[in-house]
Amino acid sequence: MTTYDAHGENVNTISLVLAVDRVLGECDAMQAVTDRLRNFLQFVAVKLIDEPAKAQLKVAELGPKRLRFKLVLAREDVAMLIGRNGFTASAIRSVLKAAADKEGVQVTLQIHSHEEEAEMQARES
């Protein structure tokens, strides 16, 4: 049985449109959060590494409100970004996590050299 509203429109169609609008709105909001977090990581990484032209920042959505950022850098830059005893990377992860938590998003940050990234991709193939 089809139900109609006061304007003669199918209520089921209206509900579907509202559901699609809500999902699209959530996608737009998630994209905005992703962009802000990406911009933060780019800003920090460029300031701390010697070869920003060789840097790549990859983003994967692992699930609803779950992101993985992967910085792929020149081998020397990996050491610089990780820092002594991992303190620099830990500080970057802490600020990234705080910003993401504020938006209700879980994030991880991986830092690899191009060589390590190639090895991981070869293993996955």
PDB file of N, CA and C in Angstrom:
ATOM      1  N   MET A   1       0.845  -1.176   0.000  1.00  0.00           N
ATOM      2  CA  MET A   1       0.000   0.000   0.000  1.00  0.00           C
ATOM      3  C   MET A   1       0.888   1.237   0.000  1.00  0.00           C
ATOM      4  N   THR A   2       0.590   2.170  -0.853  1.00  0.00           N
ATOM      5  CA  THR A   2       1.344   3.402  -0.956  1.00  0.00           C
ATOM      6  C   THR A   2       0.659   4.476  -0.127  1.00  0.00           C
ATOM      7  N   THR A   3       1.450   5.228   0.609  1.00  0.00           N
ATOM      8  CA  THR A   3       0.918   6.293   1.449  1.00  0.00           C
ATOM      9  C   THR A   3       1.307   7.631   0.836  1.00  0.00           C
ATOM     10  N   TYR A   4       0.352   8.567   0.828  1.00  0.00           N
ATOM     11  CA  TYR A   4       0.601   9.883   0.252  1.00  0.00           C
ATOM     12  C   TYR A   4       0.489  10.950   1.339  1.00  0.00           C
ATOM     13  N   ASP A   5       1.270  12.021   1.165  1.00  0.00           N
ATOM     14  CA  ASP A   5       1.197  13.119   2.128  1.00  0.00           C
ATOM     15  C   ASP A   5       0.119  14.111   1.703  1.00  0.00           C
ATOM     16  N   ALA A   6       0.027  15.263   2.382  1.00  0.00           N
ATOM     17  CA  ALA A   6      -1.007  16.259   2.116  1.00  0.00           C
ATOM     18  C   ALA A   6      -0.877  16.870   0.724  1.00  0.00           C
ATOM     19  N   HIS A   7       0.321  16.786   0.119  1.00  0.00           N
ATOM     20  CA  HIS A   7       0.544  17.366  -1.211  1.00  0.00           C
ATOM     21  C   HIS A   7       0.395  16.322  -2.311  1.00  0.00           C
ATOM     22  N   GLY A   8       0.005  15.123  -1.935  1.00  0.00           N
ATOM     23  CA  GLY A   8      -0.204  14.068  -2.916  1.00  0.00           C
ATOM     24  C   GLY A   8       1.077  13.349  -3.329  1.00  0.00           C
ATOM     25  N   GLU A   9       2.183  13.573  -2.586  1.00  0.00           N
ATOM     26  CA  GLU A   9       3.444  12.914  -2.923  1.00  0.00           C
ATOM     27  C   GLU A   9       3.580  11.622  -2.129  1.00  0.00           C
ATOM     28  N   ASN A  10       4.230  10.661  -2.743  1.00  0.00           N
ATOM     29  CA  ASN A  10       4.460   9.365  -2.135  1.00  0.00           C
ATOM     30  C   ASN A  10       5.380   9.541  -0.917  1.00  0.00           C
ATOM     31  N   VAL A  11       4.930   9.167   0.266  1.00  0.00           N
ATOM     32  CA  VAL A  11       5.681   9.328   1.508  1.00  0.00           C
ATOM     33  C   VAL A  11       6.954   8.479   1.481  1.00  0.00           C
ATOM     34  N   ASN A  12       6.876   7.289   0.899  1.00  0.00           N
ATOM     35  CA  ASN A  12       8.051   6.418   0.822  1.00  0.00           C
ATOM     36  C   ASN A  12       9.166   7.080   0.010  1.00  0.00           C
ATOM     37  N   THR A  13       8.803   7.762  -1.066  1.00  0.00           N
ATOM     38  CA  THR A  13       9.792   8.466  -1.890  1.00  0.00           C
ATOM     39  C   THR A  13      10.427   9.600  -1.094  1.00  0.00           C
ATOM     40  N   ILE A  14       9.614  10.327  -0.343  1.00  0.00           N
ATOM     41  CA  ILE A  14      10.141  11.432   0.473  1.00  0.00           C
ATOM     42  C   ILE A  14      11.111  10.892   1.518  1.00  0.00           C
ATOM     43  N   SER A  15      10.760   9.779   2.158  1.00  0.00           N
ATOM     44  CA  SER A  15      11.647   9.183   3.164  1.00  0.00           C
ATOM     45  C   SER A  15      12.970   8.770   2.542  1.00  0.00           C
ATOM     46  N   LEU A  16      12.914   8.196   1.342  1.00  0.00           N
ATOM     47  CA  LEU A  16      14.130   7.778   0.656  1.00  0.00           C
ATOM     48  C   LEU A  16      15.006   8.974   0.317  1.00  0.00           C
ATOM     49  N   VAL A  17      14.395  10.040  -0.167  1.00  0.00           N
ATOM     50  CA  VAL A  17      15.148  11.252  -0.507  1.00  0.00           C
ATOM     51  C   VAL A  17      15.809  11.821   0.742  1.00  0.00           C
ATOM     52  N   LEU A  18      15.084  11.854   1.864  1.00  0.00           N
ATOM     53  CA  LEU A  18      15.655  12.358   3.109  1.00  0.00           C
ATOM     54  C   LEU A  18      16.820  11.488   3.570  1.00  0.00           C
ATOM     55  N   ALA A  19      16.685  10.168   3.434  1.00  0.00           N
ATOM     56  CA  ALA A  19      17.761   9.254   3.828  1.00  0.00           C
ATOM     57  C   ALA A  19      18.987   9.472   2.955  1.00  0.00           C
ATOM     58  N   VAL A  20      18.803   9.627   1.652  1.00  0.00           N
ATOM     59  CA  VAL A  20      19.924   9.875   0.735  1.00  0.00           C
ATOM     60  C   VAL A  20      20.578  11.211   1.071  1.00  0.00           C
ATOM     61  N   ASP A  21      19.774  12.247   1.319  1.00  0.00           N
ATOM     62  CA  ASP A  21      20.329  13.556   1.692  1.00  0.00           C
ATOM     63  C   ASP A  21      21.156  13.459   2.970  1.00  0.00           C
ATOM     64  N   ARG A  22      20.674  12.684   3.952  1.00  0.00           N
ATOM     65  CA  ARG A  22      21.405  12.527   5.208  1.00  0.00           C
ATOM     66  C   ARG A  22      22.734  11.824   4.964  1.00  0.00           C
ATOM     67  N   VAL A  23      22.737  10.762   4.146  1.00  0.00           N
ATOM     68  CA  VAL A  23      23.972  10.036   3.846  1.00  0.00           C
ATOM     69  C   VAL A  23      24.942  10.935   3.089  1.00  0.00           C
ATOM     70  N   LEU A  24      24.441  11.684   2.114  1.00  0.00           N
ATOM     71  CA  LEU A  24      25.308  12.594   1.372  1.00  0.00           C
ATOM     72  C   LEU A  24      25.867  13.685   2.275  1.00  0.00           C
ATOM     73  N   GLY A  25      25.052  14.160   3.196  1.00  0.00           N
ATOM     74  CA  GLY A  25      25.518  15.165   4.151  1.00  0.00           C
ATOM     75  C   GLY A  25      26.620  14.616   5.035  1.00  0.00           C
ATOM     76  N   GLU A  26      26.463  13.350   5.461  1.00  0.00           N
ATOM     77  CA  GLU A  26      27.499  12.706   6.276  1.00  0.00           C
ATOM     78  C   GLU A  26      28.776  12.526   5.470  1.00  0.00           C
ATOM     79  N   CYS A  27      28.648  12.178   4.185  1.00  0.00           N
ATOM     80  CA  CYS A  27      29.822  12.024   3.317  1.00  0.00           C
ATOM     81  C   CYS A  27      30.539  13.353   3.155  1.00  0.00           C
ATOM     82  N   ASP A  28      29.777  14.432   2.944  1.00  0.00           N
ATOM     83  CA  ASP A  28      30.379  15.758   2.811  1.00  0.00           C
ATOM     84  C   ASP A  28      31.091  16.162   4.098  1.00  0.00           C
ATOM     85  N   ALA A  29      30.473  15.872   5.244  1.00  0.00           N
ATOM     86  CA  ALA A  29      31.082  16.213   6.529  1.00  0.00           C
ATOM     87  C   ALA A  29      32.361  15.405   6.736  1.00  0.00           C
ATOM     88  N   MET A  30      32.335  14.119   6.404  1.00  0.00           N
ATOM     89  CA  MET A  30      33.522  13.277   6.550  1.00  0.00           C
ATOM     90  C   MET A  30      34.625  13.752   5.620  1.00  0.00           C
ATOM     91  N   GLN A  31      34.262  14.162   4.406  1.00  0.00           N
ATOM     92  CA  GLN A  31      35.259  14.666   3.464  1.00  0.00           C
ATOM     93  C   GLN A  31      35.893  15.941   4.003  1.00  0.00           C
ATOM     94  N   ALA A  32      35.109  16.796   4.625  1.00  0.00           N
ATOM     95  CA  ALA A  32      35.642  18.030   5.194  1.00  0.00           C
ATOM     96  C   ALA A  32      36.624  17.730   6.329  1.00  0.00           C
ATOM     97  N   VAL A  33      36.277  16.765   7.176  1.00  0.00           N
ATOM     98  CA  VAL A  33      37.168  16.359   8.270  1.00  0.00           C
ATOM     99  C   VAL A  33      38.452  15.770   7.692  1.00  0.00           C
ATOM    100  N   THR A  34      38.313  14.900   6.715  1.00  0.00           N
ATOM    101  CA  THR A  34      39.481  14.292   6.067  1.00  0.00           C
ATOM    102  C   THR A  34      40.389  15.353   5.476  1.00  0.00           C
ATOM    103  N   ASP A  35      39.802  16.330   4.812  1.00  0.00           N
ATOM    104  CA  ASP A  35      40.595  17.406   4.207  1.00  0.00           C
ATOM    105  C   ASP A  35      41.342  18.217   5.262  1.00  0.00           C
ATOM    106  N   ARG A  36      40.680  18.520   6.380  1.00  0.00           N
ATOM    107  CA  ARG A  36      41.346  19.288   7.439  1.00  0.00           C
ATOM    108  C   ARG A  36      42.513  18.505   8.033  1.00  0.00           C
ATOM    109  N   LEU A  37      42.304  17.221   8.286  1.00  0.00           N
ATOM    110  CA  LEU A  37      43.374  16.397   8.845  1.00  0.00           C
ATOM    111  C   LEU A  37      44.522  16.240   7.846  1.00  0.00           C
ATOM    112  N   ARG A  38      44.182  16.052   6.574  1.00  0.00           N
ATOM    113  CA  ARG A  38      45.201  15.942   5.535  1.00  0.00           C
ATOM    114  C   ARG A  38      46.023  17.235   5.455  1.00  0.00           C
ATOM    115  N   ASN A  39      45.350  18.370   5.482  1.00  0.00           N
ATOM    116  CA  ASN A  39      46.054  19.653   5.414  1.00  0.00           C
ATOM    117  C   ASN A  39      46.995  19.832   6.600  1.00  0.00           C
ATOM    118  N   PHE A  40      46.557  19.424   7.778  1.00  0.00           N
ATOM    119  CA  PHE A  40      47.418  19.500   8.959  1.00  0.00           C
ATOM    120  C   PHE A  40      48.674  18.660   8.763  1.00  0.00           C
ATOM    121  N   LEU A  41      48.502  17.406   8.342  1.00  0.00           N
ATOM    122  CA  LEU A  41      49.661  16.530   8.150  1.00  0.00           C
ATOM    123  C   LEU A  41      50.603  17.058   7.077  1.00  0.00           C
ATOM    124  N   GLN A  42      50.054  17.577   5.992  1.00  0.00           N
ATOM    125  CA  GLN A  42      50.903  18.143   4.948  1.00  0.00           C
ATOM    126  C   GLN A  42      51.707  19.316   5.483  1.00  0.00           C
ATOM    127  N   PHE A  43      51.066  20.183   6.217  1.00  0.00           N
ATOM    128  CA  PHE A  43      51.747  21.358   6.774  1.00  0.00           C
ATOM    129  C   PHE A  43      52.903  20.931   7.672  1.00  0.00           C
ATOM    130  N   VAL A  44      52.637  20.010   8.586  1.00  0.00           N
ATOM    131  CA  VAL A  44      53.664  19.570   9.530  1.00  0.00           C
ATOM    132  C   VAL A  44      54.800  18.844   8.807  1.00  0.00           C
ATOM    133  N   ALA A  45      54.449  17.927   7.933  1.00  0.00           N
ATOM    134  CA  ALA A  45      55.475  17.131   7.246  1.00  0.00           C
ATOM    135  C   ALA A  45      56.398  18.010   6.415  1.00  0.00           C
ATOM    136  N   VAL A  46      55.837  18.944   5.682  1.00  0.00           N
ATOM    137  CA  VAL A  46      56.654  19.817   4.829  1.00  0.00           C
ATOM    138  C   VAL A  46      57.644  20.630   5.662  1.00  0.00           C
ATOM    139  N   LYS A  47      57.239  21.010   6.852  1.00  0.00           N
ATOM    140  CA  LYS A  47      58.120  21.806   7.712  1.00  0.00           C
ATOM    141  C   LYS A  47      59.265  20.987   8.307  1.00  0.00           C
ATOM    142  N   LEU A  48      59.076  19.675   8.430  1.00  0.00           N
ATOM    143  CA  LEU A  48      60.053  18.850   9.137  1.00  0.00           C
ATOM    144  C   LEU A  48      60.968  18.019   8.239  1.00  0.00           C
ATOM    145  N   ILE A  49      60.661  17.912   6.957  1.00  0.00           N
ATOM    146  CA  ILE A  49      61.459  17.044   6.089  1.00  0.00           C
ATOM    147  C   ILE A  49      62.283  17.860   5.094  1.00  0.00           C
ATOM    148  N   ASP A  50      63.310  17.218   4.550  1.00  0.00           N
ATOM    149  CA  ASP A  50      64.207  17.896   3.606  1.00  0.00           C
ATOM    150  C   ASP A  50      63.750  17.793   2.159  1.00  0.00           C
ATOM    151  N   GLU A  51      63.013  16.728   1.827  1.00  0.00           N
ATOM    152  CA  GLU A  51      62.615  16.511   0.441  1.00  0.00           C
ATOM    153  C   GLU A  51      61.093  16.395   0.301  1.00  0.00           C
ATOM    154  N   PRO A  52      60.378  17.508   0.463  1.00  0.00           N
ATOM    155  CA  PRO A  52      58.918  17.444   0.386  1.00  0.00           C
ATOM    156  C   PRO A  52      58.403  17.047  -1.003  1.00  0.00           C
ATOM    157  N   ALA A  53      59.192  17.279  -2.040  1.00  0.00           N
ATOM    158  CA  ALA A  53      58.748  16.915  -3.388  1.00  0.00           C
ATOM    159  C   ALA A  53      58.608  15.396  -3.531  1.00  0.00           C
ATOM    160  N   LYS A  54      59.338  14.638  -2.725  1.00  0.00           N
ATOM    161  CA  LYS A  54      59.268  13.181  -2.791  1.00  0.00           C
ATOM    162  C   LYS A  54      58.223  12.592  -1.839  1.00  0.00           C
ATOM    163  N   ALA A  55      57.572  13.429  -1.063  1.00  0.00           N
ATOM    164  CA  ALA A  55      56.606  12.956  -0.070  1.00  0.00           C
ATOM    165  C   ALA A  55      55.254  12.671  -0.706  1.00  0.00           C
ATOM    166  N   GLN A  56      54.605  11.623  -0.225  1.00  0.00           N
ATOM    167  CA  GLN A  56      53.243  11.285  -0.628  1.00  0.00           C
ATOM    168  C   GLN A  56      52.417  11.102   0.637  1.00  0.00           C
ATOM    169  N   LEU A  57      51.211  11.605   0.600  1.00  0.00           N
ATOM    170  CA  LEU A  57      50.281  11.398   1.705  1.00  0.00           C
ATOM    171  C   LEU A  57      49.079  10.657   1.162  1.00  0.00           C
ATOM    172  N   LYS A  58      48.886   9.441   1.641  1.00  0.00           N
ATOM    173  CA  LYS A  58      47.784   8.602   1.190  1.00  0.00           C
ATOM    174  C   LYS A  58      46.752   8.507   2.309  1.00  0.00           C
ATOM    175  N   VAL A  59      45.482   8.529   1.927  1.00  0.00           N
ATOM    176  CA  VAL A  59      44.392   8.438   2.896  1.00  0.00           C
ATOM    177  C   VAL A  59      43.492   7.280   2.491  1.00  0.00           C
ATOM    178  N   ALA A  60      43.171   6.429   3.449  1.00  0.00           N
ATOM    179  CA  ALA A  60      42.233   5.330   3.207  1.00  0.00           C
ATOM    180  C   ALA A  60      41.136   5.402   4.248  1.00  0.00           C
ATOM    181  N   GLU A  61      39.907   5.258   3.794  1.00  0.00           N
ATOM    182  CA  GLU A  61      38.774   5.192   4.716  1.00  0.00           C
ATOM    183  C   GLU A  61      38.564   3.719   5.043  1.00  0.00           C
ATOM    184  N   LEU A  62      38.835   3.348   6.286  1.00  0.00           N
ATOM    185  CA  LEU A  62      38.766   1.952   6.712  1.00  0.00           C
ATOM    186  C   LEU A  62      37.364   1.513   7.102  1.00  0.00           C
ATOM    187  N   GLY A  63      36.530   2.466   7.367  1.00  0.00           N
ATOM    188  CA  GLY A  63      35.156   2.188   7.781  1.00  0.00           C
ATOM    189  C   GLY A  63      34.487   3.499   8.117  1.00  0.00           C
ATOM    190  N   PRO A  64      33.279   3.419   8.637  1.00  0.00           N
ATOM    191  CA  PRO A  64      32.608   4.664   9.026  1.00  0.00           C
ATOM    192  C   PRO A  64      33.419   5.381  10.108  1.00  0.00           C
ATOM    193  N   LYS A  65      33.788   6.594   9.802  1.00  0.00           N
ATOM    194  CA  LYS A  65      34.533   7.444  10.745  1.00  0.00           C
ATOM    195  C   LYS A  65      35.851   6.819  11.187  1.00  0.00           C
ATOM    196  N   ARG A  66      36.503   6.089  10.289  1.00  0.00           N
ATOM    197  CA  ARG A  66      37.824   5.496  10.550  1.00  0.00           C
ATOM    198  C   ARG A  66      38.722   5.769   9.354  1.00  0.00           C
ATOM    199  N   LEU A  67      39.835   6.453   9.598  1.00  0.00           N
ATOM    200  CA  LEU A  67      40.767   6.819   8.539  1.00  0.00           C
ATOM    201  C   LEU A  67      42.170   6.321   8.839  1.00  0.00           C
ATOM    202  N   ARG A  68      42.902   5.990   7.772  1.00  0.00           N
ATOM    203  CA  ARG A  68      44.324   5.683   7.902  1.00  0.00           C
ATOM    204  C   ARG A  68      45.073   6.644   6.995  1.00  0.00           C
ATOM    205  N   PHE A  69      45.993   7.383   7.593  1.00  0.00           N
ATOM    206  CA  PHE A  69      46.885   8.253   6.831  1.00  0.00           C
ATOM    207  C   PHE A  69      48.228   7.555   6.736  1.00  0.00           C
ATOM    208  N   LYS A  70      48.808   7.609   5.551  1.00  0.00           N
ATOM    209  CA  LYS A  70      50.102   6.985   5.347  1.00  0.00           C
ATOM    210  C   LYS A  70      51.017   8.012   4.675  1.00  0.00           C
ATOM    211  N   LEU A  71      52.094   8.368   5.378  1.00  0.00           N
ATOM    212  CA  LEU A  71      53.106   9.256   4.813  1.00  0.00           C
ATOM    213  C   LEU A  71      54.215   8.390   4.227  1.00  0.00           C
ATOM    214  N   VAL A  72      54.474   8.555   2.946  1.00  0.00           N
ATOM    215  CA  VAL A  72      55.531   7.811   2.270  1.00  0.00           C
ATOM    216  C   VAL A  72      56.583   8.840   1.880  1.00  0.00           C
ATOM    217  N   LEU A  73      57.799   8.659   2.439  1.00  0.00           N
ATOM    218  CA  LEU A  73      58.846   9.671   2.346  1.00  0.00           C
ATOM    219  C   LEU A  73      60.162   9.071   1.875  1.00  0.00           C
ATOM    220  N   ALA A  74      61.101   9.955   1.561  1.00  0.00           N
ATOM    221  CA  ALA A  74      62.475   9.523   1.309  1.00  0.00           C
ATOM    222  C   ALA A  74      63.011   8.927   2.610  1.00  0.00           C
ATOM    223  N   ARG A  75      63.898   7.942   2.488  1.00  0.00           N
ATOM    224  CA  ARG A  75      64.405   7.212   3.659  1.00  0.00           C
ATOM    225  C   ARG A  75      64.958   8.158   4.738  1.00  0.00           C
ATOM    226  N   GLU A  76      65.710   9.166   4.337  1.00  0.00           N
ATOM    227  CA  GLU A  76      66.289  10.110   5.312  1.00  0.00           C
ATOM    228  C   GLU A  76      65.210  10.917   6.021  1.00  0.00           C
ATOM    229  N   ASP A  77      64.157  11.236   5.282  1.00  0.00           N
ATOM    230  CA  ASP A  77      63.066  12.016   5.867  1.00  0.00           C
ATOM    231  C   ASP A  77      62.249  11.204   6.871  1.00  0.00           C
ATOM    232  N   VAL A  78      62.191   9.889   6.674  1.00  0.00           N
ATOM    233  CA  VAL A  78      61.470   9.033   7.627  1.00  0.00           C
ATOM    234  C   VAL A  78      62.116   9.172   9.001  1.00  0.00           C
ATOM    235  N   ALA A  79      63.436   9.081   9.023  1.00  0.00           N
ATOM    236  CA  ALA A  79      64.152   9.200  10.293  1.00  0.00           C
ATOM    237  C   ALA A  79      63.908  10.566  10.930  1.00  0.00           C
ATOM    238  N   MET A  80      63.906  11.604  10.105  1.00  0.00           N
ATOM    239  CA  MET A  80      63.711  12.950  10.631  1.00  0.00           C
ATOM    240  C   MET A  80      62.296  13.117  11.195  1.00  0.00           C
ATOM    241  N   LEU A  81      61.314  12.586  10.489  1.00  0.00           N
ATOM    242  CA  LEU A  81      59.926  12.763  10.934  1.00  0.00           C
ATOM    243  C   LEU A  81      59.609  11.908  12.154  1.00  0.00           C
ATOM    244  N   ILE A  82      60.197  10.732  12.237  1.00  0.00           N
ATOM    245  CA  ILE A  82      59.971   9.890  13.410  1.00  0.00           C
ATOM    246  C   ILE A  82      60.656  10.496  14.625  1.00  0.00           C
ATOM    247  N   GLY A  83      61.849  11.019  14.434  1.00  0.00           N
ATOM    248  CA  GLY A  83      62.555  11.694  15.515  1.00  0.00           C
ATOM    249  C   GLY A  83      63.225  10.735  16.473  1.00  0.00           C
ATOM    250  N   ARG A  84      63.989  11.307  17.382  1.00  0.00           N
ATOM    251  CA  ARG A  84      64.711  10.503  18.367  1.00  0.00           C
ATOM    252  C   ARG A  84      63.727   9.783  19.272  1.00  0.00           C
ATOM    253  N   ASN A  85      63.889   8.476  19.357  1.00  0.00           N
ATOM    254  CA  ASN A  85      63.016   7.617  20.175  1.00  0.00           C
ATOM    255  C   ASN A  85      61.541   7.719  19.785  1.00  0.00           C
ATOM    256  N   GLY A  86      61.272   8.200  18.578  1.00  0.00           N
ATOM    257  CA  GLY A  86      59.891   8.281  18.099  1.00  0.00           C
ATOM    258  C   GLY A  86      59.078   9.426  18.669  1.00  0.00           C
ATOM    259  N   PHE A  87      59.745  10.367  19.343  1.00  0.00           N
ATOM    260  CA  PHE A  87      59.008  11.445  20.013  1.00  0.00           C
ATOM    261  C   PHE A  87      58.300  12.372  19.034  1.00  0.00           C
ATOM    262  N   THR A  88      58.936  12.674  17.899  1.00  0.00           N
ATOM    263  CA  THR A  88      58.302  13.580  16.932  1.00  0.00           C
ATOM    264  C   THR A  88      57.057  12.933  16.336  1.00  0.00           C
ATOM    265  N   ALA A  89      57.173  11.682  15.903  1.00  0.00           N
ATOM    266  CA  ALA A  89      56.021  10.979  15.341  1.00  0.00           C
ATOM    267  C   ALA A  89      54.918  10.848  16.385  1.00  0.00           C
ATOM    268  N   SER A  90      55.284  10.579  17.611  1.00  0.00           N
ATOM    269  CA  SER A  90      54.301  10.447  18.681  1.00  0.00           C
ATOM    270  C   SER A  90      53.548  11.760  18.900  1.00  0.00           C
ATOM    271  N   ALA A  91      54.266  12.869  18.864  1.00  0.00           N
ATOM    272  CA  ALA A  91      53.623  14.172  19.042  1.00  0.00           C
ATOM    273  C   ALA A  91      52.669  14.469  17.886  1.00  0.00           C
ATOM    274  N   ILE A  92      53.094  14.156  16.659  1.00  0.00           N
ATOM    275  CA  ILE A  92      52.228  14.380  15.491  1.00  0.00           C
ATOM    276  C   ILE A  92      50.974  13.517  15.611  1.00  0.00           C
ATOM    277  N   ARG A  93      51.153  12.265  15.977  1.00  0.00           N
ATOM    278  CA  ARG A  93      49.996  11.364  16.133  1.00  0.00           C
ATOM    279  C   ARG A  93      49.046  11.861  17.220  1.00  0.00           C
ATOM    280  N   SER A  94      49.603  12.380  18.306  1.00  0.00           N
ATOM    281  CA  SER A  94      48.761  12.875  19.410  1.00  0.00           C
ATOM    282  C   SER A  94      47.897  14.048  18.974  1.00  0.00           C
ATOM    283  N   VAL A  95      48.491  14.992  18.252  1.00  0.00           N
ATOM    284  CA  VAL A  95      47.722  16.155  17.790  1.00  0.00           C
ATOM    285  C   VAL A  95      46.699  15.724  16.742  1.00  0.00           C
ATOM    286  N   LEU A  96      47.104  14.831  15.829  1.00  0.00           N
ATOM    287  CA  LEU A  96      46.182  14.320  14.812  1.00  0.00           C
ATOM    288  C   LEU A  96      45.006  13.607  15.473  1.00  0.00           C
ATOM    289  N   LYS A  97      45.290  12.780  16.458  1.00  0.00           N
ATOM    290  CA  LYS A  97      44.246  12.038  17.163  1.00  0.00           C
ATOM    291  C   LYS A  97      43.314  12.983  17.915  1.00  0.00           C
ATOM    292  N   ALA A  98      43.862  14.005  18.538  1.00  0.00           N
ATOM    293  CA  ALA A  98      43.022  14.969  19.260  1.00  0.00           C
ATOM    294  C   ALA A  98      42.077  15.691  18.305  1.00  0.00           C
ATOM    295  N   ALA A  99      42.596  16.100  17.157  1.00  0.00           N
ATOM    296  CA  ALA A  99      41.752  16.791  16.171  1.00  0.00           C
ATOM    297  C   ALA A  99      40.671  15.848  15.635  1.00  0.00           C
ATOM    298  N   ALA A 100      41.033  14.601  15.394  1.00  0.00           N
ATOM    299  CA  ALA A 100      40.071  13.623  14.875  1.00  0.00           C
ATOM    300  C   ALA A 100      39.023  13.266  15.931  1.00  0.00           C
ATOM    301  N   ASP A 101      39.465  13.085  17.185  1.00  0.00           N
ATOM    302  CA  ASP A 101      38.536  12.763  18.272  1.00  0.00           C
ATOM    303  C   ASP A 101      37.470  13.843  18.423  1.00  0.00           C
ATOM    304  N   LYS A 102      37.875  15.076  18.229  1.00  0.00           N
ATOM    305  CA  LYS A 102      36.941  16.204  18.332  1.00  0.00           C
ATOM    306  C   LYS A 102      35.801  16.058  17.320  1.00  0.00           C
ATOM    307  N   GLU A 103      36.108  15.402  16.189  1.00  0.00           N
ATOM    308  CA  GLU A 103      35.110  15.194  15.141  1.00  0.00           C
ATOM    309  C   GLU A 103      34.474  13.805  15.217  1.00  0.00           C
ATOM    310  N   GLY A 104      34.866  13.007  16.226  1.00  0.00           N
ATOM    311  CA  GLY A 104      34.319  11.671  16.364  1.00  0.00           C
ATOM    312  C   GLY A 104      34.886  10.671  15.364  1.00  0.00           C
ATOM    313  N   VAL A 105      36.115  10.918  14.921  1.00  0.00           N
ATOM    314  CA  VAL A 105      36.754  10.073  13.914  1.00  0.00           C
ATOM    315  C   VAL A 105      37.978   9.404  14.522  1.00  0.00           C
ATOM    316  N   GLN A 106      38.184   8.123  14.200  1.00  0.00           N
ATOM    317  CA  GLN A 106      39.384   7.410  14.634  1.00  0.00           C
ATOM    318  C   GLN A 106      40.404   7.474  13.504  1.00  0.00           C
ATOM    319  N   VAL A 107      41.664   7.754  13.856  1.00  0.00           N
ATOM    320  CA  VAL A 107      42.713   7.837  12.839  1.00  0.00           C
ATOM    321  C   VAL A 107      43.944   7.045  13.257  1.00  0.00           C
ATOM    322  N   THR A 108      44.674   6.594  12.245  1.00  0.00           N
ATOM    323  CA  THR A 108      46.002   6.035  12.447  1.00  0.00           C
ATOM    324  C   THR A 108      46.929   6.733  11.463  1.00  0.00           C
ATOM    325  N   LEU A 109      48.191   6.799  11.837  1.00  0.00           N
ATOM    326  CA  LEU A 109      49.206   7.397  10.972  1.00  0.00           C
ATOM    327  C   LEU A 109      50.357   6.423  10.842  1.00  0.00           C
ATOM    328  N   GLN A 110      50.671   6.067   9.600  1.00  0.00           N
ATOM    329  CA  GLN A 110      51.816   5.223   9.315  1.00  0.00           C
ATOM    330  C   GLN A 110      52.840   6.070   8.563  1.00  0.00           C
ATOM    331  N   ILE A 111      54.107   5.868   8.898  1.00  0.00           N
ATOM    332  CA  ILE A 111      55.185   6.607   8.240  1.00  0.00           C
ATOM    333  C   ILE A 111      56.144   5.583   7.657  1.00  0.00           C
ATOM    334  N   HIS A 112      56.328   5.625   6.334  1.00  0.00           N
ATOM    335  CA  HIS A 112      57.164   4.646   5.646  1.00  0.00           C
ATOM    336  C   HIS A 112      58.061   5.344   4.635  1.00  0.00           C
ATOM    337  N   SER A 113      59.140   4.660   4.265  1.00  0.00           N
ATOM    338  CA  SER A 113      59.951   5.110   3.144  1.00  0.00           C
ATOM    339  C   SER A 113      59.335   4.546   1.862  1.00  0.00           C
ATOM    340  N   HIS A 114      59.732   5.095   0.728  1.00  0.00           N
ATOM    341  CA  HIS A 114      59.246   4.578  -0.547  1.00  0.00           C
ATOM    342  C   HIS A 114      59.640   3.113  -0.718  1.00  0.00           C
ATOM    343  N   GLU A 115      60.827   2.754  -0.244  1.00  0.00           N
ATOM    344  CA  GLU A 115      61.298   1.370  -0.351  1.00  0.00           C
ATOM    345  C   GLU A 115      60.422   0.427   0.488  1.00  0.00           C
ATOM    346  N   GLU A 116      60.113   0.844   1.706  1.00  0.00           N
ATOM    347  CA  GLU A 116      59.251   0.028   2.571  1.00  0.00           C
ATOM    348  C   GLU A 116      57.856  -0.126   1.968  1.00  0.00           C
ATOM    349  N   GLU A 117      57.349   0.938   1.384  1.00  0.00           N
ATOM    350  CA  GLU A 117      56.027   0.901   0.756  1.00  0.00           C
ATOM    351  C   GLU A 117      56.024  -0.082  -0.417  1.00  0.00           C
ATOM    352  N   ALA A 118      57.089  -0.062  -1.219  1.00  0.00           N
ATOM    353  CA  ALA A 118      57.188  -0.982  -2.361  1.00  0.00           C
ATOM    354  C   ALA A 118      57.246  -2.434  -1.887  1.00  0.00           C
ATOM    355  N   GLU A 119      57.991  -2.683  -0.817  1.00  0.00           N
ATOM    356  CA  GLU A 119      58.074  -4.041  -0.246  1.00  0.00           C
ATOM    357  C   GLU A 119      56.709  -4.512   0.245  1.00  0.00           C
ATOM    358  N   MET A 120      55.971  -3.646   0.915  1.00  0.00           N
ATOM    359  CA  MET A 120      54.648  -4.017   1.430  1.00  0.00           C
ATOM    360  C   MET A 120      53.680  -4.304   0.284  1.00  0.00           C
ATOM    361  N   GLN A 121      53.744  -3.491  -0.757  1.00  0.00           N
ATOM    362  CA  GLN A 121      52.857  -3.720  -1.908  1.00  0.00           C
ATOM    363  C   GLN A 121      53.220  -5.015  -2.624  1.00  0.00           C
ATOM    364  N   ALA A 122      54.507  -5.336  -2.692  1.00  0.00           N
ATOM    365  CA  ALA A 122      54.943  -6.575  -3.324  1.00  0.00           C
ATOM    366  C   ALA A 122      54.435  -7.790  -2.534  1.00  0.00           C
ATOM    367  N   ARG A 123      54.459  -7.704  -1.217  1.00  0.00           N
ATOM    368  CA  ARG A 123      53.958  -8.791  -0.368  1.00  0.00           C
ATOM    369  C   ARG A 123      52.454  -8.996  -0.539  1.00  0.00           C
ATOM    370  N   GLU A 124      51.723  -7.881  -0.733  1.00  0.00           N
ATOM    371  CA  GLU A 124      50.274  -7.960  -0.879  1.00  0.00           C
ATOM    372  C   GLU A 124      49.868  -8.544  -2.235  1.00  0.00           C
ATOM    373  N   SER A 125      50.742  -8.446  -3.218  1.00  0.00           N
ATOM    374  CA  SER A 125      50.417  -8.941  -4.574  1.00  0.00           C
ATOM    375  C   SER A 125      50.527 -10.427  -4.690  1.00  0.00           C
TER     376      SER A 125
END
